[in-house]
Amino acid sequence: MDTTPWPNQDCPVLVAALTPGEGERIVRVMREDGTVTPPEPCRDAHELKRLVHHERPGADLHDPAQVFWADHPGEWPR
């Protein structure tokens, strides 16, 4: 079980910053039981949606209170 402090208990999805040369963003999800997923690479919005709906059903990906983007919200590597 991951014991990394979570920055905001009310925001269950963290999307890491875009990294030049990387083909994905790293995403972590806090499950309903408070456990946190291991870092998961996502290449696009479809993969993000799949991951979040599997780990945190009912999370609203369009709600900025539920998804924290480290930078450039909604943008994906090209």
N, C-alpha and C. Protein backbone atom coordinates (compact mmCIF):
# COMPACT_ATOMS: atom_id res chain seq x y z
N MET A 1 0.84 -1.19 0.00
CA MET A 1 0.00 0.00 0.00
C MET A 1 0.88 1.24 0.00
N ASP A 2 0.52 2.21 -0.84
CA ASP A 2 1.29 3.45 -0.96
C ASP A 2 0.98 4.35 0.23
N THR A 3 2.01 4.87 0.87
CA THR A 3 1.82 5.77 2.00
C THR A 3 2.25 7.20 1.68
N THR A 4 2.45 7.50 0.39
CA THR A 4 2.81 8.85 -0.02
C THR A 4 1.70 9.81 0.38
N PRO A 5 2.03 10.94 1.03
CA PRO A 5 0.99 11.90 1.39
C PRO A 5 0.27 12.39 0.13
N TRP A 6 -1.02 12.46 0.21
CA TRP A 6 -1.83 12.93 -0.92
C TRP A 6 -2.08 14.42 -0.73
N PRO A 7 -1.80 15.25 -1.75
CA PRO A 7 -1.87 16.70 -1.57
C PRO A 7 -3.26 17.24 -1.23
N ASN A 8 -4.32 16.62 -1.75
CA ASN A 8 -5.67 17.12 -1.50
C ASN A 8 -6.62 15.93 -1.47
N GLN A 9 -7.09 15.57 -0.31
CA GLN A 9 -7.95 14.40 -0.14
C GLN A 9 -9.25 14.51 -0.94
N ASP A 10 -9.68 15.72 -1.27
CA ASP A 10 -10.91 15.92 -2.02
C ASP A 10 -10.72 15.83 -3.53
N CYS A 11 -9.48 15.75 -3.99
CA CYS A 11 -9.16 15.69 -5.42
C CYS A 11 -8.53 14.32 -5.70
N PRO A 12 -9.33 13.35 -6.15
CA PRO A 12 -8.84 11.98 -6.23
C PRO A 12 -7.95 11.63 -7.42
N VAL A 13 -7.79 12.53 -8.39
CA VAL A 13 -7.00 12.20 -9.58
C VAL A 13 -5.87 13.22 -9.74
N LEU A 14 -4.64 12.72 -9.88
CA LEU A 14 -3.49 13.58 -10.11
C LEU A 14 -2.88 13.24 -11.46
N VAL A 15 -2.75 14.24 -12.32
CA VAL A 15 -2.14 14.06 -13.64
C VAL A 15 -0.83 14.84 -13.65
N ALA A 16 0.28 14.13 -13.83
CA ALA A 16 1.60 14.75 -13.78
C ALA A 16 1.83 15.69 -14.96
N ALA A 17 2.87 16.49 -14.84
CA ALA A 17 3.23 17.45 -15.88
C ALA A 17 3.67 16.76 -17.16
N LEU A 18 3.51 17.48 -18.26
CA LEU A 18 4.05 17.02 -19.54
C LEU A 18 5.57 17.04 -19.44
N THR A 19 6.20 15.99 -19.91
CA THR A 19 7.66 15.92 -19.91
C THR A 19 8.13 15.83 -21.35
N PRO A 20 8.97 16.77 -21.79
CA PRO A 20 9.45 16.73 -23.17
C PRO A 20 10.07 15.37 -23.50
N GLY A 21 9.70 14.84 -24.63
CA GLY A 21 10.25 13.56 -25.09
C GLY A 21 9.50 12.34 -24.57
N GLU A 22 8.59 12.53 -23.62
CA GLU A 22 7.81 11.41 -23.10
C GLU A 22 6.49 11.32 -23.87
N GLY A 23 6.01 10.13 -24.08
CA GLY A 23 4.78 9.93 -24.84
C GLY A 23 3.54 9.78 -23.99
N GLU A 24 3.67 10.04 -22.69
CA GLU A 24 2.50 9.93 -21.83
C GLU A 24 2.66 10.83 -20.61
N ARG A 25 1.57 10.94 -19.88
CA ARG A 25 1.58 11.61 -18.57
C ARG A 25 1.41 10.50 -17.53
N ILE A 26 1.97 10.71 -16.37
CA ILE A 26 1.80 9.76 -15.28
C ILE A 26 0.59 10.18 -14.46
N VAL A 27 -0.27 9.20 -14.16
CA VAL A 27 -1.52 9.47 -13.44
C VAL A 27 -1.58 8.59 -12.19
N ARG A 28 -2.09 9.17 -11.13
CA ARG A 28 -2.34 8.41 -9.89
C ARG A 28 -3.77 8.70 -9.46
N VAL A 29 -4.41 7.69 -8.91
CA VAL A 29 -5.80 7.82 -8.51
C VAL A 29 -5.95 7.36 -7.07
N MET A 30 -6.64 8.16 -6.27
CA MET A 30 -6.99 7.72 -4.92
C MET A 30 -8.33 7.00 -5.01
N ARG A 31 -8.30 5.74 -4.62
CA ARG A 31 -9.53 4.94 -4.63
C ARG A 31 -10.45 5.38 -3.49
N GLU A 32 -11.70 4.92 -3.56
CA GLU A 32 -12.68 5.26 -2.52
C GLU A 32 -12.22 4.83 -1.13
N ASP A 33 -11.44 3.74 -1.04
CA ASP A 33 -10.99 3.24 0.27
C ASP A 33 -9.75 3.98 0.78
N GLY A 34 -9.27 4.97 0.04
CA GLY A 34 -8.14 5.77 0.46
C GLY A 34 -6.79 5.28 -0.02
N THR A 35 -6.74 4.09 -0.64
CA THR A 35 -5.48 3.62 -1.20
C THR A 35 -5.23 4.34 -2.52
N VAL A 36 -3.95 4.39 -2.89
CA VAL A 36 -3.55 5.13 -4.09
C VAL A 36 -2.95 4.15 -5.09
N THR A 37 -3.32 4.30 -6.35
CA THR A 37 -2.77 3.44 -7.39
C THR A 37 -1.29 3.73 -7.59
N PRO A 38 -0.56 2.74 -8.08
CA PRO A 38 0.82 3.03 -8.49
C PRO A 38 0.78 4.02 -9.67
N PRO A 39 1.87 4.72 -9.94
CA PRO A 39 1.91 5.62 -11.09
C PRO A 39 1.59 4.85 -12.38
N GLU A 40 0.67 5.37 -13.15
CA GLU A 40 0.21 4.71 -14.37
C GLU A 40 0.39 5.65 -15.56
N PRO A 41 1.10 5.21 -16.60
CA PRO A 41 1.24 6.07 -17.78
C PRO A 41 -0.05 6.09 -18.61
N CYS A 42 -0.44 7.28 -19.04
CA CYS A 42 -1.59 7.44 -19.92
C CYS A 42 -1.14 8.28 -21.11
N ARG A 43 -1.43 7.80 -22.32
CA ARG A 43 -1.03 8.51 -23.54
C ARG A 43 -2.05 9.53 -24.01
N ASP A 44 -3.31 9.37 -23.55
CA ASP A 44 -4.34 10.27 -24.06
C ASP A 44 -5.55 10.27 -23.13
N ALA A 45 -6.54 11.08 -23.47
CA ALA A 45 -7.74 11.22 -22.65
C ALA A 45 -8.50 9.89 -22.53
N HIS A 46 -8.48 9.08 -23.57
CA HIS A 46 -9.16 7.78 -23.53
C HIS A 46 -8.55 6.89 -22.45
N GLU A 47 -7.23 6.82 -22.39
CA GLU A 47 -6.57 6.00 -21.37
C GLU A 47 -6.82 6.56 -19.97
N LEU A 48 -6.83 7.88 -19.84
CA LEU A 48 -7.13 8.49 -18.55
C LEU A 48 -8.53 8.10 -18.10
N LYS A 49 -9.49 8.21 -19.00
CA LYS A 49 -10.87 7.87 -18.67
C LYS A 49 -10.98 6.41 -18.25
N ARG A 50 -10.34 5.51 -18.99
CA ARG A 50 -10.39 4.08 -18.68
C ARG A 50 -9.83 3.83 -17.28
N LEU A 51 -8.67 4.40 -16.99
CA LEU A 51 -8.03 4.20 -15.70
C LEU A 51 -8.89 4.74 -14.56
N VAL A 52 -9.34 5.97 -14.70
CA VAL A 52 -10.10 6.60 -13.62
C VAL A 52 -11.42 5.88 -13.39
N HIS A 53 -12.12 5.52 -14.43
CA HIS A 53 -13.41 4.86 -14.24
C HIS A 53 -13.24 3.45 -13.68
N HIS A 54 -12.08 2.85 -13.88
CA HIS A 54 -11.81 1.54 -13.28
C HIS A 54 -11.48 1.69 -11.80
N GLU A 55 -10.64 2.67 -11.46
CA GLU A 55 -10.16 2.83 -10.09
C GLU A 55 -11.05 3.70 -9.21
N ARG A 56 -11.77 4.63 -9.81
CA ARG A 56 -12.60 5.56 -9.04
C ARG A 56 -13.90 5.81 -9.80
N PRO A 57 -14.76 4.76 -9.89
CA PRO A 57 -16.03 4.94 -10.62
C PRO A 57 -16.80 6.15 -10.08
N GLY A 58 -17.37 6.88 -10.98
CA GLY A 58 -18.15 8.05 -10.59
C GLY A 58 -17.37 9.35 -10.55
N ALA A 59 -16.04 9.28 -10.66
CA ALA A 59 -15.26 10.52 -10.68
C ALA A 59 -15.58 11.29 -11.96
N ASP A 60 -15.70 12.58 -11.84
CA ASP A 60 -16.01 13.44 -12.98
C ASP A 60 -14.73 14.06 -13.51
N LEU A 61 -14.29 13.60 -14.66
CA LEU A 61 -13.04 14.09 -15.24
C LEU A 61 -13.12 15.53 -15.72
N HIS A 62 -14.31 16.09 -15.78
CA HIS A 62 -14.47 17.48 -16.20
C HIS A 62 -14.55 18.44 -15.02
N ASP A 63 -14.49 17.89 -13.81
CA ASP A 63 -14.58 18.70 -12.60
C ASP A 63 -13.17 19.00 -12.09
N PRO A 64 -12.72 20.26 -12.16
CA PRO A 64 -11.37 20.58 -11.70
C PRO A 64 -11.15 20.31 -10.21
N ALA A 65 -12.21 20.18 -9.45
CA ALA A 65 -12.07 19.84 -8.04
C ALA A 65 -11.73 18.36 -7.85
N GLN A 66 -11.94 17.56 -8.89
CA GLN A 66 -11.67 16.12 -8.80
C GLN A 66 -10.43 15.68 -9.57
N VAL A 67 -9.95 16.52 -10.48
CA VAL A 67 -8.77 16.17 -11.28
C VAL A 67 -7.76 17.32 -11.18
N PHE A 68 -6.57 17.01 -10.66
CA PHE A 68 -5.50 18.00 -10.58
C PHE A 68 -4.53 17.76 -11.73
N TRP A 69 -4.36 18.76 -12.58
CA TRP A 69 -3.40 18.72 -13.68
C TRP A 69 -2.19 19.54 -13.24
N ALA A 70 -1.00 18.95 -13.23
CA ALA A 70 0.21 19.66 -12.83
C ALA A 70 0.51 20.83 -13.77
N ASP A 71 0.10 20.69 -15.03
CA ASP A 71 0.26 21.76 -15.99
C ASP A 71 -0.61 21.46 -17.22
N HIS A 72 -0.87 22.43 -18.01
CA HIS A 72 -1.57 22.28 -19.29
C HIS A 72 -2.77 21.33 -19.23
N PRO A 73 -3.81 21.68 -18.47
CA PRO A 73 -4.97 20.79 -18.34
C PRO A 73 -5.53 20.36 -19.69
N GLY A 74 -5.78 19.07 -19.78
CA GLY A 74 -6.39 18.50 -20.98
C GLY A 74 -5.44 18.26 -22.14
N GLU A 75 -4.19 18.68 -22.04
CA GLU A 75 -3.23 18.48 -23.13
C GLU A 75 -2.49 17.16 -22.95
N TRP A 76 -2.19 16.53 -24.08
CA TRP A 76 -1.49 15.26 -24.10
C TRP A 76 -0.28 15.34 -25.02
N PRO A 77 0.72 14.51 -24.78
CA PRO A 77 1.90 14.52 -25.66
C PRO A 77 1.49 14.22 -27.09
N ARG A 78 2.26 14.72 -28.02
CA ARG A 78 1.96 14.49 -29.44
C ARG A 78 2.88 13.46 -30.00
